[in-house]
Amino acid sequence: MAGKRPVFTENFSLNLSAIEVFLGAEGAPAYQRLLDHLFDDIVPTLIRFPQCGRLFLMHSLQSTRATMLANKLKRILQRSEELREYILGDYLLLYLVQPKQIVFLAIKHHRQLSFDLMKFWME
């Protein structure tokens, strides 16, 4: 695979497990389709074309708290990094583009709770 090296965070793996539980036994075929599509199509595409996803911090913010958190994220990110999101059917994939790798941070079903971004940068 040409392009950047993929890195999968522990949180990403935990998110996949949570999606499997969220979908339940009757959702097992949908979960398998997600895994197949994700690892056969989406990850290779993002590795070759990391700018496919939308810049995460370009959202129109509606609250003071959201603006404050977005500004904090902007200060944490390095100049050479981009926080991006990719919509994959019912799922939202969050990833960090770095000079030599793509870090897959999180994936959520649209009906699940939102991302907890600060734990990625807490020391």
PDB file of N, CA and C in Angstrom:
ATOM      1  N   MET A   1       0.837  -1.180   0.000  1.00  0.00           N
ATOM      2  CA  MET A   1       0.000   0.000   0.000  1.00  0.00           C
ATOM      3  C   MET A   1       0.879   1.240   0.000  1.00  0.00           C
ATOM      4  N   ALA A   2       0.721   2.065  -1.005  1.00  0.00           N
ATOM      5  CA  ALA A   2       1.477   3.312  -1.051  1.00  0.00           C
ATOM      6  C   ALA A   2       0.810   4.328  -0.133  1.00  0.00           C
ATOM      7  N   GLY A   3       1.582   5.273   0.340  1.00  0.00           N
ATOM      8  CA  GLY A   3       1.006   6.321   1.172  1.00  0.00           C
ATOM      9  C   GLY A   3       1.526   6.280   2.582  1.00  0.00           C
ATOM     10  N   LYS A   4       0.772   6.865   3.464  1.00  0.00           N
ATOM     11  CA  LYS A   4       1.154   6.969   4.865  1.00  0.00           C
ATOM     12  C   LYS A   4       0.903   5.657   5.600  1.00  0.00           C
ATOM     13  N   ARG A   5       1.600   5.493   6.706  1.00  0.00           N
ATOM     14  CA  ARG A   5       1.449   4.280   7.518  1.00  0.00           C
ATOM     15  C   ARG A   5       0.215   4.432   8.420  1.00  0.00           C
ATOM     16  N   PRO A   6      -0.667   3.419   8.467  1.00  0.00           N
ATOM     17  CA  PRO A   6      -1.832   3.503   9.352  1.00  0.00           C
ATOM     18  C   PRO A   6      -1.464   3.113  10.785  1.00  0.00           C
ATOM     19  N   VAL A   7      -2.012   3.849  11.726  1.00  0.00           N
ATOM     20  CA  VAL A   7      -1.867   3.540  13.147  1.00  0.00           C
ATOM     21  C   VAL A   7      -3.275   3.549  13.735  1.00  0.00           C
ATOM     22  N   PHE A   8      -3.607   2.501  14.466  1.00  0.00           N
ATOM     23  CA  PHE A   8      -4.930   2.385  15.075  1.00  0.00           C
ATOM     24  C   PHE A   8      -4.782   2.511  16.589  1.00  0.00           C
ATOM     25  N   THR A   9      -5.482   3.489  17.166  1.00  0.00           N
ATOM     26  CA  THR A   9      -5.402   3.686  18.602  1.00  0.00           C
ATOM     27  C   THR A   9      -6.216   2.620  19.328  1.00  0.00           C
ATOM     28  N   GLU A  10      -5.912   2.469  20.600  1.00  0.00           N
ATOM     29  CA  GLU A  10      -6.694   1.562  21.433  1.00  0.00           C
ATOM     30  C   GLU A  10      -8.151   2.018  21.461  1.00  0.00           C
ATOM     31  N   ASN A  11      -8.351   3.328  21.493  1.00  0.00           N
ATOM     32  CA  ASN A  11      -9.707   3.863  21.490  1.00  0.00           C
ATOM     33  C   ASN A  11     -10.474   3.451  20.241  1.00  0.00           C
ATOM     34  N   PHE A  12      -9.797   3.437  19.096  1.00  0.00           N
ATOM     35  CA  PHE A  12     -10.439   3.025  17.845  1.00  0.00           C
ATOM     36  C   PHE A  12     -10.928   1.577  17.959  1.00  0.00           C
ATOM     37  N   SER A  13     -10.080   0.721  18.494  1.00  0.00           N
ATOM     38  CA  SER A  13     -10.457  -0.689  18.687  1.00  0.00           C
ATOM     39  C   SER A  13     -11.624  -0.814  19.660  1.00  0.00           C
ATOM     40  N   LEU A  14     -11.574  -0.041  20.743  1.00  0.00           N
ATOM     41  CA  LEU A  14     -12.676  -0.059  21.710  1.00  0.00           C
ATOM     42  C   LEU A  14     -13.970   0.441  21.081  1.00  0.00           C
ATOM     43  N   ASN A  15     -13.865   1.444  20.220  1.00  0.00           N
ATOM     44  CA  ASN A  15     -15.050   1.946  19.511  1.00  0.00           C
ATOM     45  C   ASN A  15     -15.664   0.871  18.631  1.00  0.00           C
ATOM     46  N   LEU A  16     -14.817   0.105  17.929  1.00  0.00           N
ATOM     47  CA  LEU A  16     -15.339  -0.981  17.091  1.00  0.00           C
ATOM     48  C   LEU A  16     -16.067  -2.018  17.942  1.00  0.00           C
ATOM     49  N   SER A  17     -15.499  -2.354  19.084  1.00  0.00           N
ATOM     50  CA  SER A  17     -16.160  -3.302  19.993  1.00  0.00           C
ATOM     51  C   SER A  17     -17.487  -2.742  20.498  1.00  0.00           C
ATOM     52  N   ALA A  18     -17.505  -1.448  20.807  1.00  0.00           N
ATOM     53  CA  ALA A  18     -18.734  -0.814  21.278  1.00  0.00           C
ATOM     54  C   ALA A  18     -19.801  -0.799  20.180  1.00  0.00           C
ATOM     55  N   ILE A  19     -19.392  -0.617  18.934  1.00  0.00           N
ATOM     56  CA  ILE A  19     -20.347  -0.662  17.819  1.00  0.00           C
ATOM     57  C   ILE A  19     -20.933  -2.057  17.693  1.00  0.00           C
ATOM     58  N   GLU A  20     -20.097  -3.074  17.836  1.00  0.00           N
ATOM     59  CA  GLU A  20     -20.584  -4.456  17.768  1.00  0.00           C
ATOM     60  C   GLU A  20     -21.636  -4.708  18.847  1.00  0.00           C
ATOM     61  N   VAL A  21     -21.380  -4.245  20.064  1.00  0.00           N
ATOM     62  CA  VAL A  21     -22.351  -4.394  21.158  1.00  0.00           C
ATOM     63  C   VAL A  21     -23.595  -3.568  20.863  1.00  0.00           C
ATOM     64  N   PHE A  22     -23.408  -2.351  20.386  1.00  0.00           N
ATOM     65  CA  PHE A  22     -24.511  -1.451  20.075  1.00  0.00           C
ATOM     66  C   PHE A  22     -25.455  -2.066  19.040  1.00  0.00           C
ATOM     67  N   LEU A  23     -24.896  -2.711  18.023  1.00  0.00           N
ATOM     68  CA  LEU A  23     -25.718  -3.308  16.965  1.00  0.00           C
ATOM     69  C   LEU A  23     -26.386  -4.606  17.420  1.00  0.00           C
ATOM     70  N   GLY A  24     -25.785  -5.291  18.388  1.00  0.00           N
ATOM     71  CA  GLY A  24     -26.381  -6.518  18.921  1.00  0.00           C
ATOM     72  C   GLY A  24     -26.284  -7.688  17.961  1.00  0.00           C
ATOM     73  N   ALA A  25     -26.838  -8.798  18.383  1.00  0.00           N
ATOM     74  CA  ALA A  25     -26.769 -10.038  17.602  1.00  0.00           C
ATOM     75  C   ALA A  25     -27.430  -9.884  16.231  1.00  0.00           C
ATOM     76  N   GLU A  26     -28.561  -9.199  16.186  1.00  0.00           N
ATOM     77  CA  GLU A  26     -29.244  -9.034  14.900  1.00  0.00           C
ATOM     78  C   GLU A  26     -28.487  -8.098  13.964  1.00  0.00           C
ATOM     79  N   GLY A  27     -27.568  -7.323  14.516  1.00  0.00           N
ATOM     80  CA  GLY A  27     -26.768  -6.429  13.695  1.00  0.00           C
ATOM     81  C   GLY A  27     -25.425  -7.004  13.280  1.00  0.00           C
ATOM     82  N   ALA A  28     -25.197  -8.291  13.567  1.00  0.00           N
ATOM     83  CA  ALA A  28     -23.908  -8.921  13.244  1.00  0.00           C
ATOM     84  C   ALA A  28     -23.551  -8.817  11.754  1.00  0.00           C
ATOM     85  N   PRO A  29     -24.489  -9.061  10.843  1.00  0.00           N
ATOM     86  CA  PRO A  29     -24.135  -8.903   9.417  1.00  0.00           C
ATOM     87  C   PRO A  29     -23.744  -7.459   9.064  1.00  0.00           C
ATOM     88  N   ALA A  30     -24.427  -6.489   9.652  1.00  0.00           N
ATOM     89  CA  ALA A  30     -24.094  -5.086   9.398  1.00  0.00           C
ATOM     90  C   ALA A  30     -22.711  -4.757   9.954  1.00  0.00           C
ATOM     91  N   TYR A  31     -22.391  -5.308  11.116  1.00  0.00           N
ATOM     92  CA  TYR A  31     -21.071  -5.079  11.709  1.00  0.00           C
ATOM     93  C   TYR A  31     -19.975  -5.672  10.822  1.00  0.00           C
ATOM     94  N   GLN A  32     -20.204  -6.875  10.297  1.00  0.00           N
ATOM     95  CA  GLN A  32     -19.215  -7.497   9.418  1.00  0.00           C
ATOM     96  C   GLN A  32     -19.045  -6.704   8.130  1.00  0.00           C
ATOM     97  N   ARG A  33     -20.143  -6.162   7.594  1.00  0.00           N
ATOM     98  CA  ARG A  33     -20.053  -5.311   6.402  1.00  0.00           C
ATOM     99  C   ARG A  33     -19.239  -4.053   6.704  1.00  0.00           C
ATOM    100  N   LEU A  34     -19.446  -3.487   7.898  1.00  0.00           N
ATOM    101  CA  LEU A  34     -18.670  -2.314   8.304  1.00  0.00           C
ATOM    102  C   LEU A  34     -17.182  -2.650   8.326  1.00  0.00           C
ATOM    103  N   LEU A  35     -16.817  -3.738   8.974  1.00  0.00           N
ATOM    104  CA  LEU A  35     -15.405  -4.125   9.058  1.00  0.00           C
ATOM    105  C   LEU A  35     -14.808  -4.355   7.675  1.00  0.00           C
ATOM    106  N   ASP A  36     -15.538  -5.087   6.836  1.00  0.00           N
ATOM    107  CA  ASP A  36     -15.039  -5.367   5.485  1.00  0.00           C
ATOM    108  C   ASP A  36     -14.824  -4.077   4.705  1.00  0.00           C
ATOM    109  N   HIS A  37     -15.819  -3.205   4.720  1.00  0.00           N
ATOM    110  CA  HIS A  37     -15.732  -1.953   3.971  1.00  0.00           C
ATOM    111  C   HIS A  37     -14.630  -1.055   4.542  1.00  0.00           C
ATOM    112  N   LEU A  38     -14.556  -0.997   5.863  1.00  0.00           N
ATOM    113  CA  LEU A  38     -13.569  -0.158   6.523  1.00  0.00           C
ATOM    114  C   LEU A  38     -12.143  -0.574   6.165  1.00  0.00           C
ATOM    115  N   PHE A  39     -11.832  -1.863   6.337  1.00  0.00           N
ATOM    116  CA  PHE A  39     -10.452  -2.306   6.164  1.00  0.00           C
ATOM    117  C   PHE A  39     -10.093  -2.668   4.721  1.00  0.00           C
ATOM    118  N   ASP A  40     -11.079  -2.992   3.904  1.00  0.00           N
ATOM    119  CA  ASP A  40     -10.789  -3.311   2.501  1.00  0.00           C
ATOM    120  C   ASP A  40     -10.796  -2.081   1.598  1.00  0.00           C
ATOM    121  N   ASP A  41     -11.611  -1.080   1.955  1.00  0.00           N
ATOM    122  CA  ASP A  41     -11.795   0.073   1.073  1.00  0.00           C
ATOM    123  C   ASP A  41     -11.376   1.407   1.691  1.00  0.00           C
ATOM    124  N   ILE A  42     -11.943   1.728   2.841  1.00  0.00           N
ATOM    125  CA  ILE A  42     -11.787   3.068   3.406  1.00  0.00           C
ATOM    126  C   ILE A  42     -10.366   3.335   3.908  1.00  0.00           C
ATOM    127  N   VAL A  43      -9.827   2.436   4.729  1.00  0.00           N
ATOM    128  CA  VAL A  43      -8.476   2.651   5.255  1.00  0.00           C
ATOM    129  C   VAL A  43      -7.456   2.768   4.115  1.00  0.00           C
ATOM    130  N   PRO A  44      -7.453   1.848   3.134  1.00  0.00           N
ATOM    131  CA  PRO A  44      -6.493   2.022   2.023  1.00  0.00           C
ATOM    132  C   PRO A  44      -6.684   3.338   1.258  1.00  0.00           C
ATOM    133  N   THR A  45      -7.921   3.764   1.094  1.00  0.00           N
ATOM    134  CA  THR A  45      -8.178   5.027   0.393  1.00  0.00           C
ATOM    135  C   THR A  45      -7.637   6.210   1.188  1.00  0.00           C
ATOM    136  N   LEU A  46      -7.909   6.229   2.493  1.00  0.00           N
ATOM    137  CA  LEU A  46      -7.436   7.341   3.317  1.00  0.00           C
ATOM    138  C   LEU A  46      -5.915   7.362   3.436  1.00  0.00           C
ATOM    139  N   ILE A  47      -5.299   6.195   3.386  1.00  0.00           N
ATOM    140  CA  ILE A  47      -3.838   6.133   3.431  1.00  0.00           C
ATOM    141  C   ILE A  47      -3.250   6.787   2.172  1.00  0.00           C
ATOM    142  N   ARG A  48      -3.869   6.525   1.043  1.00  0.00           N
ATOM    143  CA  ARG A  48      -3.373   7.104  -0.218  1.00  0.00           C
ATOM    144  C   ARG A  48      -3.816   8.546  -0.406  1.00  0.00           C
ATOM    145  N   PHE A  49      -5.034   8.859   0.049  1.00  0.00           N
ATOM    146  CA  PHE A  49      -5.608  10.191  -0.160  1.00  0.00           C
ATOM    147  C   PHE A  49      -6.157  10.721   1.174  1.00  0.00           C
ATOM    148  N   PRO A  50      -5.289  11.102   2.085  1.00  0.00           N
ATOM    149  CA  PRO A  50      -5.733  11.472   3.428  1.00  0.00           C
ATOM    150  C   PRO A  50      -6.635  12.709   3.478  1.00  0.00           C
ATOM    151  N   GLN A  51      -6.609  13.535   2.454  1.00  0.00           N
ATOM    152  CA  GLN A  51      -7.456  14.719   2.467  1.00  0.00           C
ATOM    153  C   GLN A  51      -8.895  14.438   2.013  1.00  0.00           C
ATOM    154  N   CYS A  52      -9.235  13.166   1.819  1.00  0.00           N
ATOM    155  CA  CYS A  52     -10.611  12.807   1.440  1.00  0.00           C
ATOM    156  C   CYS A  52     -11.617  13.269   2.490  1.00  0.00           C
ATOM    157  N   GLY A  53     -11.228  13.168   3.732  1.00  0.00           N
ATOM    158  CA  GLY A  53     -12.131  13.555   4.811  1.00  0.00           C
ATOM    159  C   GLY A  53     -12.164  15.067   4.996  1.00  0.00           C
ATOM    160  N   ARG A  54     -13.206  15.522   5.634  1.00  0.00           N
ATOM    161  CA  ARG A  54     -13.390  16.947   5.901  1.00  0.00           C
ATOM    162  C   ARG A  54     -12.594  17.360   7.131  1.00  0.00           C
ATOM    163  N   LEU A  55     -12.053  18.572   7.110  1.00  0.00           N
ATOM    164  CA  LEU A  55     -11.359  19.091   8.277  1.00  0.00           C
ATOM    165  C   LEU A  55     -12.344  19.207   9.438  1.00  0.00           C
ATOM    166  N   PHE A  56     -12.017  18.552  10.534  1.00  0.00           N
ATOM    167  CA  PHE A  56     -12.922  18.482  11.680  1.00  0.00           C
ATOM    168  C   PHE A  56     -13.162  19.849  12.316  1.00  0.00           C
ATOM    169  N   LEU A  57     -12.144  20.664  12.370  1.00  0.00           N
ATOM    170  CA  LEU A  57     -12.270  21.949  13.056  1.00  0.00           C
ATOM    171  C   LEU A  57     -12.871  23.049  12.188  1.00  0.00           C
ATOM    172  N   MET A  58     -13.396  22.686  11.028  1.00  0.00           N
ATOM    173  CA  MET A  58     -14.042  23.664  10.156  1.00  0.00           C
ATOM    174  C   MET A  58     -15.554  23.755  10.392  1.00  0.00           C
ATOM    175  N   HIS A  59     -16.053  22.984  11.349  1.00  0.00           N
ATOM    176  CA  HIS A  59     -17.486  23.029  11.670  1.00  0.00           C
ATOM    177  C   HIS A  59     -17.888  24.415  12.167  1.00  0.00           C
ATOM    178  N   SER A  60     -19.102  24.787  11.868  1.00  0.00           N
ATOM    179  CA  SER A  60     -19.670  26.007  12.419  1.00  0.00           C
ATOM    180  C   SER A  60     -20.043  25.711  13.870  1.00  0.00           C
ATOM    181  N   LEU A  61     -19.483  26.448  14.796  1.00  0.00           N
ATOM    182  CA  LEU A  61     -19.703  26.182  16.219  1.00  0.00           C
ATOM    183  C   LEU A  61     -20.838  27.051  16.740  1.00  0.00           C
ATOM    184  N   GLN A  62     -21.676  26.453  17.577  1.00  0.00           N
ATOM    185  CA  GLN A  62     -22.886  27.124  18.033  1.00  0.00           C
ATOM    186  C   GLN A  62     -22.854  27.520  19.504  1.00  0.00           C
ATOM    187  N   SER A  63     -21.780  27.202  20.198  1.00  0.00           N
ATOM    188  CA  SER A  63     -21.746  27.544  21.621  1.00  0.00           C
ATOM    189  C   SER A  63     -20.358  28.038  22.021  1.00  0.00           C
ATOM    190  N   THR A  64     -20.325  28.754  23.107  1.00  0.00           N
ATOM    191  CA  THR A  64     -19.060  29.254  23.640  1.00  0.00           C
ATOM    192  C   THR A  64     -18.174  28.094  24.068  1.00  0.00           C
ATOM    193  N   ARG A  65     -18.763  27.095  24.690  1.00  0.00           N
ATOM    194  CA  ARG A  65     -17.986  25.930  25.147  1.00  0.00           C
ATOM    195  C   ARG A  65     -17.360  25.198  23.956  1.00  0.00           C
ATOM    196  N   ALA A  66     -18.125  24.994  22.892  1.00  0.00           N
ATOM    197  CA  ALA A  66     -17.588  24.317  21.709  1.00  0.00           C
ATOM    198  C   ALA A  66     -16.444  25.126  21.100  1.00  0.00           C
ATOM    199  N   THR A  67     -16.594  26.430  21.056  1.00  0.00           N
ATOM    200  CA  THR A  67     -15.542  27.299  20.529  1.00  0.00           C
ATOM    201  C   THR A  67     -14.290  27.200  21.388  1.00  0.00           C
ATOM    202  N   MET A  68     -14.460  27.188  22.705  1.00  0.00           N
ATOM    203  CA  MET A  68     -13.335  27.084  23.619  1.00  0.00           C
ATOM    204  C   MET A  68     -12.594  25.754  23.417  1.00  0.00           C
ATOM    205  N   LEU A  69     -13.348  24.656  23.314  1.00  0.00           N
ATOM    206  CA  LEU A  69     -12.723  23.341  23.118  1.00  0.00           C
ATOM    207  C   LEU A  69     -12.034  23.247  21.757  1.00  0.00           C
ATOM    208  N   ALA A  70     -12.634  23.811  20.730  1.00  0.00           N
ATOM    209  CA  ALA A  70     -12.015  23.798  19.399  1.00  0.00           C
ATOM    210  C   ALA A  70     -10.708  24.591  19.410  1.00  0.00           C
ATOM    211  N   ASN A  71     -10.693  25.727  20.081  1.00  0.00           N
ATOM    212  CA  ASN A  71      -9.467  26.526  20.176  1.00  0.00           C
ATOM    213  C   ASN A  71      -8.384  25.772  20.935  1.00  0.00           C
ATOM    214  N   LYS A  72      -8.781  25.040  21.953  1.00  0.00           N
ATOM    215  CA  LYS A  72      -7.817  24.233  22.711  1.00  0.00           C
ATOM    216  C   LYS A  72      -7.223  23.139  21.814  1.00  0.00           C
ATOM    217  N   LEU A  73      -8.061  22.491  21.026  1.00  0.00           N
ATOM    218  CA  LEU A  73      -7.571  21.475  20.087  1.00  0.00           C
ATOM    219  C   LEU A  73      -6.611  22.080  19.071  1.00  0.00           C
ATOM    220  N   LYS A  74      -6.935  23.252  18.572  1.00  0.00           N
ATOM    221  CA  LYS A  74      -6.069  23.916  17.588  1.00  0.00           C
ATOM    222  C   LYS A  74      -4.682  24.197  18.171  1.00  0.00           C
ATOM    223  N   ARG A  75      -4.642  24.551  19.458  1.00  0.00           N
ATOM    224  CA  ARG A  75      -3.347  24.810  20.099  1.00  0.00           C
ATOM    225  C   ARG A  75      -2.556  23.517  20.294  1.00  0.00           C
ATOM    226  N   ILE A  76      -3.235  22.400  20.481  1.00  0.00           N
ATOM    227  CA  ILE A  76      -2.575  21.115  20.723  1.00  0.00           C
ATOM    228  C   ILE A  76      -2.011  20.527  19.435  1.00  0.00           C
ATOM    229  N   LEU A  77      -2.733  20.695  18.346  1.00  0.00           N
ATOM    230  CA  LEU A  77      -2.296  20.126  17.073  1.00  0.00           C
ATOM    231  C   LEU A  77      -1.019  20.798  16.585  1.00  0.00           C
ATOM    232  N   GLN A  78      -0.136  19.998  16.035  1.00  0.00           N
ATOM    233  CA  GLN A  78       1.086  20.525  15.424  1.00  0.00           C
ATOM    234  C   GLN A  78       0.723  21.141  14.067  1.00  0.00           C
ATOM    235  N   ARG A  79       1.582  22.025  13.575  1.00  0.00           N
ATOM    236  CA  ARG A  79       1.335  22.655  12.267  1.00  0.00           C
ATOM    237  C   ARG A  79       1.192  21.620  11.152  1.00  0.00           C
ATOM    238  N   SER A  80       1.922  20.539  11.265  1.00  0.00           N
ATOM    239  CA  SER A  80       1.923  19.523  10.209  1.00  0.00           C
ATOM    240  C   SER A  80       0.799  18.498  10.369  1.00  0.00           C
ATOM    241  N   GLU A  81      -0.081  18.685  11.333  1.00  0.00           N
ATOM    242  CA  GLU A  81      -1.159  17.725  11.586  1.00  0.00           C
ATOM    243  C   GLU A  81      -2.513  18.305  11.185  1.00  0.00           C
ATOM    244  N   GLU A  82      -3.383  17.407  10.746  1.00  0.00           N
ATOM    245  CA  GLU A  82      -4.765  17.787  10.427  1.00  0.00           C
ATOM    246  C   GLU A  82      -5.702  16.782  11.070  1.00  0.00           C
ATOM    247  N   LEU A  83      -6.676  17.275  11.808  1.00  0.00           N
ATOM    248  CA  LEU A  83      -7.721  16.433  12.376  1.00  0.00           C
ATOM    249  C   LEU A  83      -8.864  16.411  11.365  1.00  0.00           C
ATOM    250  N   ARG A  84      -9.203  15.211  10.885  1.00  0.00           N
ATOM    251  CA  ARG A  84     -10.202  15.084   9.830  1.00  0.00           C
ATOM    252  C   ARG A  84     -11.276  14.065  10.209  1.00  0.00           C
ATOM    253  N   GLU A  85     -12.414  14.192   9.534  1.00  0.00           N
ATOM    254  CA  GLU A  85     -13.506  13.240   9.732  1.00  0.00           C
ATOM    255  C   GLU A  85     -13.934  12.711   8.370  1.00  0.00           C
ATOM    256  N   TYR A  86     -14.398  11.475   8.385  1.00  0.00           N
ATOM    257  CA  TYR A  86     -14.856  10.841   7.153  1.00  0.00           C
ATOM    258  C   TYR A  86     -16.180  10.166   7.467  1.00  0.00           C
ATOM    259  N   ILE A  87     -17.194  10.454   6.683  1.00  0.00           N
ATOM    260  CA  ILE A  87     -18.501   9.832   6.891  1.00  0.00           C
ATOM    261  C   ILE A  87     -18.561   8.561   6.073  1.00  0.00           C
ATOM    262  N   LEU A  88     -18.896   7.494   6.762  1.00  0.00           N
ATOM    263  CA  LEU A  88     -18.936   6.153   6.185  1.00  0.00           C
ATOM    264  C   LEU A  88     -20.317   5.581   6.475  1.00  0.00           C
ATOM    265  N   GLY A  89     -21.298   5.918   5.625  1.00  0.00           N
ATOM    266  CA  GLY A  89     -22.664   5.461   5.863  1.00  0.00           C
ATOM    267  C   GLY A  89     -23.199   6.013   7.173  1.00  0.00           C
ATOM    268  N   ASP A  90     -23.527   5.116   8.106  1.00  0.00           N
ATOM    269  CA  ASP A  90     -24.049   5.505   9.417  1.00  0.00           C
ATOM    270  C   ASP A  90     -22.950   5.820  10.420  1.00  0.00           C
ATOM    271  N   TYR A  91     -21.717   5.843   9.983  1.00  0.00           N
ATOM    272  CA  TYR A  91     -20.579   5.970  10.893  1.00  0.00           C
ATOM    273  C   TYR A  91     -19.771   7.223  10.582  1.00  0.00           C
ATOM    274  N   LEU A  92     -19.166   7.751  11.629  1.00  0.00           N
ATOM    275  CA  LEU A  92     -18.268   8.887  11.497  1.00  0.00           C
ATOM    276  C   LEU A  92     -16.898   8.439  11.987  1.00  0.00           C
ATOM    277  N   LEU A  93     -15.906   8.591  11.139  1.00  0.00           N
ATOM    278  CA  LEU A  93     -14.536   8.169  11.413  1.00  0.00           C
ATOM    279  C   LEU A  93     -13.703   9.417  11.665  1.00  0.00           C
ATOM    280  N   LEU A  94     -12.970   9.432  12.769  1.00  0.00           N
ATOM    281  CA  LEU A  94     -12.107  10.553  13.118  1.00  0.00           C
ATOM    282  C   LEU A  94     -10.659  10.098  13.014  1.00  0.00           C
ATOM    283  N   TYR A  95      -9.853  10.869  12.279  1.00  0.00           N
ATOM    284  CA  TYR A  95      -8.455  10.478  12.106  1.00  0.00           C
ATOM    285  C   TYR A  95      -7.547  11.705  12.070  1.00  0.00           C
ATOM    286  N   LEU A  96      -6.294  11.468  12.412  1.00  0.00           N
ATOM    287  CA  LEU A  96      -5.292  12.510  12.465  1.00  0.00           C
ATOM    288  C   LEU A  96      -4.259  12.258  11.381  1.00  0.00           C
ATOM    289  N   VAL A  97      -4.089  13.228  10.495  1.00  0.00           N
ATOM    290  CA  VAL A  97      -3.102  13.119   9.423  1.00  0.00           C
ATOM    291  C   VAL A  97      -1.809  13.746   9.925  1.00  0.00           C
ATOM    292  N   GLN A  98      -0.766  12.945   9.954  1.00  0.00           N
ATOM    293  CA  GLN A  98       0.565  13.394  10.345  1.00  0.00           C
ATOM    294  C   GLN A  98       1.492  13.215   9.139  1.00  0.00           C
ATOM    295  N   PRO A  99       2.689  13.781   9.181  1.00  0.00           N
ATOM    296  CA  PRO A  99       3.560  13.710   8.005  1.00  0.00           C
ATOM    297  C   PRO A  99       3.806  12.293   7.469  1.00  0.00           C
ATOM    298  N   LYS A 100       3.984  11.304   8.336  1.00  0.00           N
ATOM    299  CA  LYS A 100       4.322   9.963   7.864  1.00  0.00           C
ATOM    300  C   LYS A 100       3.272   8.908   8.162  1.00  0.00           C
ATOM    301  N   GLN A 101       2.216   9.293   8.860  1.00  0.00           N
ATOM    302  CA  GLN A 101       1.212   8.294   9.234  1.00  0.00           C
ATOM    303  C   GLN A 101      -0.166   8.920   9.362  1.00  0.00           C
ATOM    304  N   ILE A 102      -1.151   8.035   9.375  1.00  0.00           N
ATOM    305  CA  ILE A 102      -2.524   8.423   9.679  1.00  0.00           C
ATOM    306  C   ILE A 102      -2.902   7.678  10.942  1.00  0.00           C
ATOM    307  N   VAL A 103      -3.337   8.422  11.941  1.00  0.00           N
ATOM    308  CA  VAL A 103      -3.726   7.832  13.214  1.00  0.00           C
ATOM    309  C   VAL A 103      -5.247   7.787  13.251  1.00  0.00           C
ATOM    310  N   PHE A 104      -5.774   6.578  13.284  1.00  0.00           N
ATOM    311  CA  PHE A 104      -7.223   6.394  13.358  1.00  0.00           C
ATOM    312  C   PHE A 104      -7.616   6.491  14.823  1.00  0.00           C
ATOM    313  N   LEU A 105      -8.316   7.571  15.164  1.00  0.00           N
ATOM    314  CA  LEU A 105      -8.614   7.904  16.550  1.00  0.00           C
ATOM    315  C   LEU A 105      -9.907   7.305  17.059  1.00  0.00           C
ATOM    316  N   ALA A 106     -10.964   7.385  16.245  1.00  0.00           N
ATOM    317  CA  ALA A 106     -12.273   6.971  16.728  1.00  0.00           C
ATOM    318  C   ALA A 106     -13.212   6.684  15.568  1.00  0.00           C
ATOM    319  N   ILE A 107     -14.195   5.863  15.859  1.00  0.00           N
ATOM    320  CA  ILE A 107     -15.286   5.609  14.923  1.00  0.00           C
ATOM    321  C   ILE A 107     -16.548   5.432  15.761  1.00  0.00           C
ATOM    322  N   LYS A 108     -17.620   6.063  15.325  1.00  0.00           N
ATOM    323  CA  LYS A 108     -18.888   5.997  16.057  1.00  0.00           C
ATOM    324  C   LYS A 108     -20.042   5.837  15.080  1.00  0.00           C
ATOM    325  N   HIS A 109     -21.048   5.097  15.513  1.00  0.00           N
ATOM    326  CA  HIS A 109     -22.326   5.060  14.803  1.00  0.00           C
ATOM    327  C   HIS A 109     -23.005   6.400  15.075  1.00  0.00           C
ATOM    328  N   HIS A 110     -23.726   6.930  14.131  1.00  0.00           N
ATOM    329  CA  HIS A 110     -24.315   8.261  14.298  1.00  0.00           C
ATOM    330  C   HIS A 110     -25.278   8.343  15.475  1.00  0.00           C
ATOM    331  N   ARG A 111     -25.791   7.208  15.952  1.00  0.00           N
ATOM    332  CA  ARG A 111     -26.696   7.231  17.102  1.00  0.00           C
ATOM    333  C   ARG A 111     -25.965   7.078  18.441  1.00  0.00           C
ATOM    334  N   GLN A 112     -24.656   6.887  18.410  1.00  0.00           N
ATOM    335  CA  GLN A 112     -23.892   6.796  19.650  1.00  0.00           C
ATOM    336  C   GLN A 112     -23.519   8.194  20.139  1.00  0.00           C
ATOM    337  N   LEU A 113     -23.000   8.267  21.345  1.00  0.00           N
ATOM    338  CA  LEU A 113     -22.568   9.541  21.906  1.00  0.00           C
ATOM    339  C   LEU A 113     -21.388  10.098  21.132  1.00  0.00           C
ATOM    340  N   SER A 114     -21.088  11.357  21.327  1.00  0.00           N
ATOM    341  CA  SER A 114     -20.025  12.038  20.582  1.00  0.00           C
ATOM    342  C   SER A 114     -18.632  11.608  21.040  1.00  0.00           C
ATOM    343  N   PHE A 115     -17.618  12.129  20.355  1.00  0.00           N
ATOM    344  CA  PHE A 115     -16.226  11.816  20.647  1.00  0.00           C
ATOM    345  C   PHE A 115     -15.762  12.534  21.918  1.00  0.00           C
ATOM    346  N   ASP A 116     -14.864  11.903  22.653  1.00  0.00           N
ATOM    347  CA  ASP A 116     -14.175  12.534  23.776  1.00  0.00           C
ATOM    348  C   ASP A 116     -12.751  12.791  23.314  1.00  0.00           C
ATOM    349  N   LEU A 117     -12.511  13.947  22.707  1.00  0.00           N
ATOM    350  CA  LEU A 117     -11.232  14.225  22.061  1.00  0.00           C
ATOM    351  C   LEU A 117     -10.102  14.529  23.034  1.00  0.00           C
ATOM    352  N   MET A 118     -10.413  15.089  24.171  1.00  0.00           N
ATOM    353  CA  MET A 118      -9.351  15.548  25.057  1.00  0.00           C
ATOM    354  C   MET A 118      -8.488  14.399  25.581  1.00  0.00           C
ATOM    355  N   LYS A 119      -9.031  13.206  25.734  1.00  0.00           N
ATOM    356  CA  LYS A 119      -8.212  12.117  26.268  1.00  0.00           C
ATOM    357  C   LYS A 119      -7.087  11.709  25.327  1.00  0.00           C
ATOM    358  N   PHE A 120      -7.170  12.088  24.053  1.00  0.00           N
ATOM    359  CA  PHE A 120      -6.091  11.758  23.124  1.00  0.00           C
ATOM    360  C   PHE A 120      -4.845  12.592  23.392  1.00  0.00           C
ATOM    361  N   TRP A 121      -5.026  13.776  23.997  1.00  0.00           N
ATOM    362  CA  TRP A 121      -3.900  14.675  24.195  1.00  0.00           C
ATOM    363  C   TRP A 121      -3.555  14.887  25.666  1.00  0.00           C
ATOM    364  N   MET A 122      -4.203  14.158  26.553  1.00  0.00           N
ATOM    365  CA  MET A 122      -3.898  14.286  27.982  1.00  0.00           C
ATOM    366  C   MET A 122      -2.626  13.497  28.288  1.00  0.00           C
ATOM    367  N   GLU A 123      -1.806  14.047  29.120  1.00  0.00           N
ATOM    368  CA  GLU A 123      -0.547  13.359  29.466  1.00  0.00           C
ATOM    369  C   GLU A 123      -0.622  12.831  30.876  1.00  0.00           C
TER     370      GLU A 123
END
